[in-house]
């Protein structure tokens, strides 16, 4: 969710899982109060419906979003499935 007051282009942003596999966003403009749905499927698609090049294991994972400068913009821990 873009909680800011200006649009953000995600080009050159990246998402990593457990600080290993890295997936780069294509040029996508996210307006204020809008969000992007991204599937962690391992299909590696950067047009149409977006899919990362990695999957989230049933044991959980740590996802890190980095901006175009490599600075951590956000992170989330995905719990293990029970």
PDB file of N, CA and C in Angstrom:
ATOM      1  N   UNK A   1       0.850  -1.181   0.000  1.00  0.00           N
ATOM      2  CA  UNK A   1       0.000   0.000   0.000  1.00  0.00           C
ATOM      3  C   UNK A   1       0.892   1.239   0.000  1.00  0.00           C
ATOM      4  N   UNK A   2       0.673   2.106  -0.949  1.00  0.00           N
ATOM      5  CA  UNK A   2       1.384   3.377  -0.976  1.00  0.00           C
ATOM      6  C   UNK A   2       0.646   4.336  -0.052  1.00  0.00           C
ATOM      7  N   UNK A   3       1.178   4.523   1.140  1.00  0.00           N
ATOM      8  CA  UNK A   3       0.552   5.389   2.126  1.00  0.00           C
ATOM      9  C   UNK A   3       0.976   6.843   1.976  1.00  0.00           C
ATOM     10  N   UNK A   4       1.857   7.130   1.021  1.00  0.00           N
ATOM     11  CA  UNK A   4       2.328   8.493   0.800  1.00  0.00           C
ATOM     12  C   UNK A   4       1.316   9.324   0.023  1.00  0.00           C
ATOM     13  N   UNK A   5       1.704  10.557  -0.255  1.00  0.00           N
ATOM     14  CA  UNK A   5       0.819  11.469  -0.987  1.00  0.00           C
ATOM     15  C   UNK A   5       1.221  11.618  -2.450  1.00  0.00           C
ATOM     16  N   UNK A   6       2.291  10.921  -2.855  1.00  0.00           N
ATOM     17  CA  UNK A   6       2.765  10.975  -4.240  1.00  0.00           C
ATOM     18  C   UNK A   6       2.869   9.562  -4.803  1.00  0.00           C
ATOM     19  N   UNK A   7       2.748   9.460  -6.119  1.00  0.00           N
ATOM     20  CA  UNK A   7       2.903   8.168  -6.794  1.00  0.00           C
ATOM     21  C   UNK A   7       4.351   7.691  -6.662  1.00  0.00           C
ATOM     22  N   UNK A   8       4.539   6.372  -6.649  1.00  0.00           N
ATOM     23  CA  UNK A   8       5.870   5.770  -6.554  1.00  0.00           C
ATOM     24  C   UNK A   8       6.048   4.803  -7.713  1.00  0.00           C
ATOM     25  N   UNK A   9       7.171   4.914  -8.424  1.00  0.00           N
ATOM     26  CA  UNK A   9       7.492   3.955  -9.469  1.00  0.00           C
ATOM     27  C   UNK A   9       8.373   2.881  -8.847  1.00  0.00           C
ATOM     28  N   UNK A  10       7.959   1.625  -8.932  1.00  0.00           N
ATOM     29  CA  UNK A  10       8.703   0.528  -8.318  1.00  0.00           C
ATOM     30  C   UNK A  10       9.862   0.015  -9.169  1.00  0.00           C
ATOM     31  N   UNK A  11      10.103   0.622 -10.318  1.00  0.00           N
ATOM     32  CA  UNK A  11      11.226   0.195 -11.153  1.00  0.00           C
ATOM     33  C   UNK A  11      12.522   0.255 -10.348  1.00  0.00           C
ATOM     34  N   UNK A  12      13.302  -0.799 -10.432  1.00  0.00           N
ATOM     35  CA  UNK A  12      14.571  -0.964  -9.710  1.00  0.00           C
ATOM     36  C   UNK A  12      14.398  -1.238  -8.221  1.00  0.00           C
ATOM     37  N   UNK A  13      13.175  -1.365  -7.736  1.00  0.00           N
ATOM     38  CA  UNK A  13      12.960  -1.881  -6.384  1.00  0.00           C
ATOM     39  C   UNK A  13      13.139  -3.387  -6.467  1.00  0.00           C
ATOM     40  N   UNK A  14      13.456  -4.017  -5.347  1.00  0.00           N
ATOM     41  CA  UNK A  14      13.625  -5.466  -5.355  1.00  0.00           C
ATOM     42  C   UNK A  14      13.018  -6.078  -4.103  1.00  0.00           C
ATOM     43  N   UNK A  15      12.704  -7.345  -4.210  1.00  0.00           N
ATOM     44  CA  UNK A  15      12.168  -8.120  -3.102  1.00  0.00           C
ATOM     45  C   UNK A  15      13.069  -9.328  -2.927  1.00  0.00           C
ATOM     46  N   UNK A  16      13.518  -9.570  -1.705  1.00  0.00           N
ATOM     47  CA  UNK A  16      14.348 -10.739  -1.437  1.00  0.00           C
ATOM     48  C   UNK A  16      13.657 -11.613  -0.398  1.00  0.00           C
ATOM     49  N   UNK A  17      13.964 -12.886  -0.447  1.00  0.00           N
ATOM     50  CA  UNK A  17      13.445 -13.831   0.530  1.00  0.00           C
ATOM     51  C   UNK A  17      14.635 -14.381   1.306  1.00  0.00           C
ATOM     52  N   UNK A  18      14.567 -14.247   2.620  1.00  0.00           N
ATOM     53  CA  UNK A  18      15.631 -14.722   3.514  1.00  0.00           C
ATOM     54  C   UNK A  18      17.010 -14.229   3.064  1.00  0.00           C
ATOM     55  N   UNK A  19      17.053 -13.012   2.520  1.00  0.00           N
ATOM     56  CA  UNK A  19      18.300 -12.386   2.046  1.00  0.00           C
ATOM     57  C   UNK A  19      19.044 -13.238   1.021  1.00  0.00           C
ATOM     58  N   UNK A  20      18.317 -14.038   0.247  1.00  0.00           N
ATOM     59  CA  UNK A  20      18.950 -14.884  -0.773  1.00  0.00           C
ATOM     60  C   UNK A  20      18.432 -14.540  -2.163  1.00  0.00           C
ATOM     61  N   UNK A  21      17.331 -15.140  -2.564  1.00  0.00           N
ATOM     62  CA  UNK A  21      16.797 -14.901  -3.903  1.00  0.00           C
ATOM     63  C   UNK A  21      16.281 -13.469  -4.011  1.00  0.00           C
ATOM     64  N   UNK A  22      16.609 -12.844  -5.123  1.00  0.00           N
ATOM     65  CA  UNK A  22      16.212 -11.448  -5.352  1.00  0.00           C
ATOM     66  C   UNK A  22      15.364 -11.367  -6.606  1.00  0.00           C
ATOM     67  N   UNK A  23      14.270 -10.608  -6.515  1.00  0.00           N
ATOM     68  CA  UNK A  23      13.384 -10.394  -7.657  1.00  0.00           C
ATOM     69  C   UNK A  23      13.233  -8.893  -7.847  1.00  0.00           C
ATOM     70  N   UNK A  24      13.448  -8.415  -9.080  1.00  0.00           N
ATOM     71  CA  UNK A  24      13.356  -6.985  -9.374  1.00  0.00           C
ATOM     72  C   UNK A  24      11.998  -6.632  -9.966  1.00  0.00           C
ATOM     73  N   UNK A  25      11.428  -5.559  -9.466  1.00  0.00           N
ATOM     74  CA  UNK A  25      10.151  -5.076  -9.978  1.00  0.00           C
ATOM     75  C   UNK A  25      10.343  -4.433 -11.342  1.00  0.00           C
ATOM     76  N   UNK A  26       9.352  -4.573 -12.219  1.00  0.00           N
ATOM     77  CA  UNK A  26       9.371  -3.823 -13.476  1.00  0.00           C
ATOM     78  C   UNK A  26       8.897  -2.394 -13.189  1.00  0.00           C
ATOM     79  N   UNK A  27       8.817  -1.572 -14.200  1.00  0.00           N
ATOM     80  CA  UNK A  27       8.310  -0.210 -14.037  1.00  0.00           C
ATOM     81  C   UNK A  27       6.793  -0.265 -13.787  1.00  0.00           C
ATOM     82  N   UNK A  28       6.413   0.015 -12.549  1.00  0.00           N
ATOM     83  CA  UNK A  28       5.001   0.023 -12.153  1.00  0.00           C
ATOM     84  C   UNK A  28       4.768   1.273 -11.322  1.00  0.00           C
ATOM     85  N   UNK A  29       3.782   2.067 -11.706  1.00  0.00           N
ATOM     86  CA  UNK A  29       3.442   3.265 -10.962  1.00  0.00           C
ATOM     87  C   UNK A  29       2.342   2.928  -9.955  1.00  0.00           C
ATOM     88  N   UNK A  30       2.615   3.194  -8.671  1.00  0.00           N
ATOM     89  CA  UNK A  30       1.642   2.933  -7.607  1.00  0.00           C
ATOM     90  C   UNK A  30       1.200   4.285  -7.058  1.00  0.00           C
ATOM     91  N   UNK A  31      -0.035   4.633  -7.304  1.00  0.00           N
ATOM     92  CA  UNK A  31      -0.579   5.903  -6.838  1.00  0.00           C
ATOM     93  C   UNK A  31      -0.869   5.854  -5.343  1.00  0.00           C
ATOM     94  N   UNK A  32      -1.031   7.024  -4.703  1.00  0.00           N
ATOM     95  CA  UNK A  32      -1.354   7.035  -3.276  1.00  0.00           C
ATOM     96  C   UNK A  32      -2.599   6.195  -2.980  1.00  0.00           C
ATOM     97  N   UNK A  33      -2.533   5.435  -1.904  1.00  0.00           N
ATOM     98  CA  UNK A  33      -3.605   4.555  -1.428  1.00  0.00           C
ATOM     99  C   UNK A  33      -3.889   3.379  -2.364  1.00  0.00           C
ATOM    100  N   UNK A  34      -2.987   3.105  -3.298  1.00  0.00           N
ATOM    101  CA  UNK A  34      -3.089   1.920  -4.153  1.00  0.00           C
ATOM    102  C   UNK A  34      -2.025   0.916  -3.744  1.00  0.00           C
ATOM    103  N   UNK A  35      -2.177  -0.327  -4.188  1.00  0.00           N
ATOM    104  CA  UNK A  35      -1.222  -1.376  -3.858  1.00  0.00           C
ATOM    105  C   UNK A  35      -1.039  -2.295  -5.052  1.00  0.00           C
ATOM    106  N   UNK A  36      -0.012  -3.133  -4.985  1.00  0.00           N
ATOM    107  CA  UNK A  36       0.309  -4.094  -6.028  1.00  0.00           C
ATOM    108  C   UNK A  36       0.172  -5.488  -5.439  1.00  0.00           C
ATOM    109  N   UNK A  37      -0.483  -6.380  -6.151  1.00  0.00           N
ATOM    110  CA  UNK A  37      -0.556  -7.778  -5.742  1.00  0.00           C
ATOM    111  C   UNK A  37       0.553  -8.528  -6.472  1.00  0.00           C
ATOM    112  N   UNK A  38       1.318  -9.277  -5.702  1.00  0.00           N
ATOM    113  CA  UNK A  38       2.483  -9.993  -6.212  1.00  0.00           C
ATOM    114  C   UNK A  38       2.423 -11.424  -5.707  1.00  0.00           C
ATOM    115  N   UNK A  39       2.561 -12.391  -6.593  1.00  0.00           N
ATOM    116  CA  UNK A  39       2.512 -13.798  -6.219  1.00  0.00           C
ATOM    117  C   UNK A  39       3.924 -14.362  -6.094  1.00  0.00           C
ATOM    118  N   UNK A  40       4.227 -14.983  -4.974  1.00  0.00           N
ATOM    119  CA  UNK A  40       5.522 -15.635  -4.765  1.00  0.00           C
ATOM    120  C   UNK A  40       5.386 -17.082  -5.232  1.00  0.00           C
ATOM    121  N   UNK A  41       5.374 -17.261  -6.550  1.00  0.00           N
ATOM    122  CA  UNK A  41       5.072 -18.550  -7.166  1.00  0.00           C
ATOM    123  C   UNK A  41       6.275 -19.250  -7.774  1.00  0.00           C
ATOM    124  N   UNK A  42       7.366 -18.514  -7.957  1.00  0.00           N
ATOM    125  CA  UNK A  42       8.524 -19.082  -8.644  1.00  0.00           C
ATOM    126  C   UNK A  42       8.426 -18.995 -10.153  1.00  0.00           C
ATOM    127  N   UNK A  43       7.388 -18.353 -10.696  1.00  0.00           N
ATOM    128  CA  UNK A  43       7.192 -18.282 -12.148  1.00  0.00           C
ATOM    129  C   UNK A  43       7.954 -17.142 -12.820  1.00  0.00           C
ATOM    130  N   UNK A  44       8.430 -16.164 -12.051  1.00  0.00           N
ATOM    131  CA  UNK A  44       9.236 -15.054 -12.557  1.00  0.00           C
ATOM    132  C   UNK A  44       8.578 -14.317 -13.723  1.00  0.00           C
ATOM    133  N   UNK A  45       7.464 -13.674 -13.456  1.00  0.00           N
ATOM    134  CA  UNK A  45       6.744 -12.898 -14.472  1.00  0.00           C
ATOM    135  C   UNK A  45       6.755 -11.420 -14.089  1.00  0.00           C
ATOM    136  N   UNK A  46       7.163 -10.570 -15.036  1.00  0.00           N
ATOM    137  CA  UNK A  46       7.244  -9.140 -14.775  1.00  0.00           C
ATOM    138  C   UNK A  46       6.281  -8.321 -15.624  1.00  0.00           C
ATOM    139  N   UNK A  47       5.339  -8.991 -16.270  1.00  0.00           N
ATOM    140  CA  UNK A  47       4.280  -8.291 -16.992  1.00  0.00           C
ATOM    141  C   UNK A  47       2.972  -9.017 -16.717  1.00  0.00           C
ATOM    142  N   UNK A  48       1.880  -8.285 -16.857  1.00  0.00           N
ATOM    143  CA  UNK A  48       0.587  -8.867 -16.514  1.00  0.00           C
ATOM    144  C   UNK A  48       0.527  -9.102 -15.008  1.00  0.00           C
ATOM    145  N   UNK A  49       0.101 -10.289 -14.614  1.00  0.00           N
ATOM    146  CA  UNK A  49       0.090 -10.647 -13.204  1.00  0.00           C
ATOM    147  C   UNK A  49       1.524 -10.935 -12.768  1.00  0.00           C
ATOM    148  N   UNK A  50       1.987 -10.242 -11.740  1.00  0.00           N
ATOM    149  CA  UNK A  50       3.381 -10.350 -11.315  1.00  0.00           C
ATOM    150  C   UNK A  50       3.612 -11.582 -10.454  1.00  0.00           C
ATOM    151  N   UNK A  51       4.709 -12.296 -10.752  1.00  0.00           N
ATOM    152  CA  UNK A  51       5.119 -13.483  -9.999  1.00  0.00           C
ATOM    153  C   UNK A  51       6.611 -13.387  -9.729  1.00  0.00           C
ATOM    154  N   UNK A  52       7.036 -13.631  -8.490  1.00  0.00           N
ATOM    155  CA  UNK A  52       8.453 -13.619  -8.167  1.00  0.00           C
ATOM    156  C   UNK A  52       9.140 -14.863  -8.722  1.00  0.00           C
ATOM    157  N   UNK A  53      10.466 -14.853  -8.659  1.00  0.00           N
ATOM    158  CA  UNK A  53      11.255 -16.006  -9.094  1.00  0.00           C
ATOM    159  C   UNK A  53      11.498 -16.979  -7.940  1.00  0.00           C
ATOM    160  N   UNK A  54      10.828 -16.779  -6.824  1.00  0.00           N
ATOM    161  CA  UNK A  54      10.962 -17.669  -5.667  1.00  0.00           C
ATOM    162  C   UNK A  54       9.596 -17.974  -5.077  1.00  0.00           C
ATOM    163  N   UNK A  55       9.551 -19.034  -4.281  1.00  0.00           N
ATOM    164  CA  UNK A  55       8.338 -19.415  -3.558  1.00  0.00           C
ATOM    165  C   UNK A  55       8.595 -19.259  -2.063  1.00  0.00           C
ATOM    166  N   UNK A  56       7.523 -19.085  -1.308  1.00  0.00           N
ATOM    167  CA  UNK A  56       7.628 -19.033   0.142  1.00  0.00           C
ATOM    168  C   UNK A  56       7.398 -20.442   0.672  1.00  0.00           C
ATOM    169  N   UNK A  57       8.355 -20.938   1.432  1.00  0.00           N
ATOM    170  CA  UNK A  57       8.269 -22.296   1.975  1.00  0.00           C
ATOM    171  C   UNK A  57       7.211 -22.370   3.075  1.00  0.00           C
ATOM    172  N   UNK A  58       6.714 -23.567   3.310  1.00  0.00           N
ATOM    173  CA  UNK A  58       5.742 -23.801   4.384  1.00  0.00           C
ATOM    174  C   UNK A  58       6.344 -23.493   5.755  1.00  0.00           C
ATOM    175  N   UNK A  59       7.660 -23.448   5.818  1.00  0.00           N
ATOM    176  CA  UNK A  59       8.343 -23.182   7.086  1.00  0.00           C
ATOM    177  C   UNK A  59       8.457 -21.688   7.381  1.00  0.00           C
ATOM    178  N   UNK A  60       7.946 -20.832   6.489  1.00  0.00           N
ATOM    179  CA  UNK A  60       7.977 -19.392   6.687  1.00  0.00           C
ATOM    180  C   UNK A  60       9.176 -18.761   6.009  1.00  0.00           C
ATOM    181  N   UNK A  61       9.265 -17.438   6.096  1.00  0.00           N
ATOM    182  CA  UNK A  61      10.356 -16.712   5.441  1.00  0.00           C
ATOM    183  C   UNK A  61      10.354 -15.262   5.897  1.00  0.00           C
ATOM    184  N   UNK A  62      11.440 -14.581   5.587  1.00  0.00           N
ATOM    185  CA  UNK A  62      11.549 -13.145   5.808  1.00  0.00           C
ATOM    186  C   UNK A  62      11.653 -12.486   4.443  1.00  0.00           C
ATOM    187  N   UNK A  63      10.717 -11.596   4.128  1.00  0.00           N
ATOM    188  CA  UNK A  63      10.731 -10.863   2.865  1.00  0.00           C
ATOM    189  C   UNK A  63      11.213  -9.446   3.121  1.00  0.00           C
ATOM    190  N   UNK A  64      12.103  -8.961   2.265  1.00  0.00           N
ATOM    191  CA  UNK A  64      12.637  -7.610   2.405  1.00  0.00           C
ATOM    192  C   UNK A  64      12.445  -6.850   1.096  1.00  0.00           C
ATOM    193  N   UNK A  65      11.845  -5.676   1.193  1.00  0.00           N
ATOM    194  CA  UNK A  65      11.665  -4.786   0.044  1.00  0.00           C
ATOM    195  C   UNK A  65      12.739  -3.711   0.111  1.00  0.00           C
ATOM    196  N   UNK A  66      13.496  -3.574  -0.983  1.00  0.00           N
ATOM    197  CA  UNK A  66      14.534  -2.538  -1.060  1.00  0.00           C
ATOM    198  C   UNK A  66      14.178  -1.557  -2.165  1.00  0.00           C
ATOM    199  N   UNK A  67      14.465  -0.283  -1.905  1.00  0.00           N
ATOM    200  CA  UNK A  67      14.183   0.730  -2.912  1.00  0.00           C
ATOM    201  C   UNK A  67      15.259   0.720  -3.996  1.00  0.00           C
ATOM    202  N   UNK A  68      15.166   1.655  -4.924  1.00  0.00           N
ATOM    203  CA  UNK A  68      16.085   1.666  -6.064  1.00  0.00           C
ATOM    204  C   UNK A  68      17.532   1.983  -5.665  1.00  0.00           C
ATOM    205  N   UNK A  69      17.753   2.435  -4.426  1.00  0.00           N
ATOM    206  CA  UNK A  69      19.110   2.694  -3.921  1.00  0.00           C
ATOM    207  C   UNK A  69      19.640   1.533  -3.089  1.00  0.00           C
ATOM    208  N   UNK A  70      18.820   0.496  -2.895  1.00  0.00           N
ATOM    209  CA  UNK A  70      19.224  -0.656  -2.100  1.00  0.00           C
ATOM    210  C   UNK A  70      18.911  -0.526  -0.623  1.00  0.00           C
ATOM    211  N   UNK A  71      18.269   0.567  -0.238  1.00  0.00           N
ATOM    212  CA  UNK A  71      17.891   0.798   1.155  1.00  0.00           C
ATOM    213  C   UNK A  71      16.641  -0.003   1.495  1.00  0.00           C
ATOM    214  N   UNK A  72      16.625  -0.617   2.662  1.00  0.00           N
ATOM    215  CA  UNK A  72      15.445  -1.385   3.079  1.00  0.00           C
ATOM    216  C   UNK A  72      14.261  -0.433   3.237  1.00  0.00           C
ATOM    217  N   UNK A  73      13.209  -0.687   2.469  1.00  0.00           N
ATOM    218  CA  UNK A  73      11.995   0.122   2.530  1.00  0.00           C
ATOM    219  C   UNK A  73      10.963  -0.510   3.462  1.00  0.00           C
ATOM    220  N   UNK A  74      10.985  -1.839   3.550  1.00  0.00           N
ATOM    221  CA  UNK A  74      10.045  -2.552   4.416  1.00  0.00           C
ATOM    222  C   UNK A  74      10.472  -4.008   4.493  1.00  0.00           C
ATOM    223  N   UNK A  75       9.979  -4.684   5.511  1.00  0.00           N
ATOM    224  CA  UNK A  75      10.207  -6.121   5.612  1.00  0.00           C
ATOM    225  C   UNK A  75       9.058  -6.752   6.387  1.00  0.00           C
ATOM    226  N   UNK A  76       8.875  -8.023   6.139  1.00  0.00           N
ATOM    227  CA  UNK A  76       7.801  -8.754   6.808  1.00  0.00           C
ATOM    228  C   UNK A  76       8.265 -10.200   7.020  1.00  0.00           C
ATOM    229  N   UNK A  77       7.882 -10.745   8.152  1.00  0.00           N
ATOM    230  CA  UNK A  77       8.148 -12.153   8.418  1.00  0.00           C
ATOM    231  C   UNK A  77       6.875 -12.941   8.169  1.00  0.00           C
ATOM    232  N   UNK A  78       6.987 -13.950   7.331  1.00  0.00           N
ATOM    233  CA  UNK A  78       5.850 -14.830   7.019  1.00  0.00           C
ATOM    234  C   UNK A  78       5.948 -16.022   7.932  1.00  0.00           C
ATOM    235  N   UNK A  79       4.937 -16.253   8.773  1.00  0.00           N
ATOM    236  CA  UNK A  79       5.017 -17.376   9.714  1.00  0.00           C
ATOM    237  C   UNK A  79       4.899 -18.727   9.012  1.00  0.00           C
ATOM    238  N   UNK A  80       5.378 -19.749   9.680  1.00  0.00           N
ATOM    239  CA  UNK A  80       5.262 -21.121   9.161  1.00  0.00           C
ATOM    240  C   UNK A  80       3.797 -21.546   9.177  1.00  0.00           C
ATOM    241  N   UNK A  81       3.428 -22.349   8.198  1.00  0.00           N
ATOM    242  CA  UNK A  81       2.080 -22.925   8.174  1.00  0.00           C
ATOM    243  C   UNK A  81       2.007 -24.055   9.175  1.00  0.00           C
ATOM    244  N   UNK A  82       0.872 -24.177   9.799  1.00  0.00           N
ATOM    245  CA  UNK A  82       0.729 -25.235  10.812  1.00  0.00           C
ATOM    246  C   UNK A  82      -0.174 -26.327  10.321  1.00  0.00           C
TER     247      UNK A  82
END
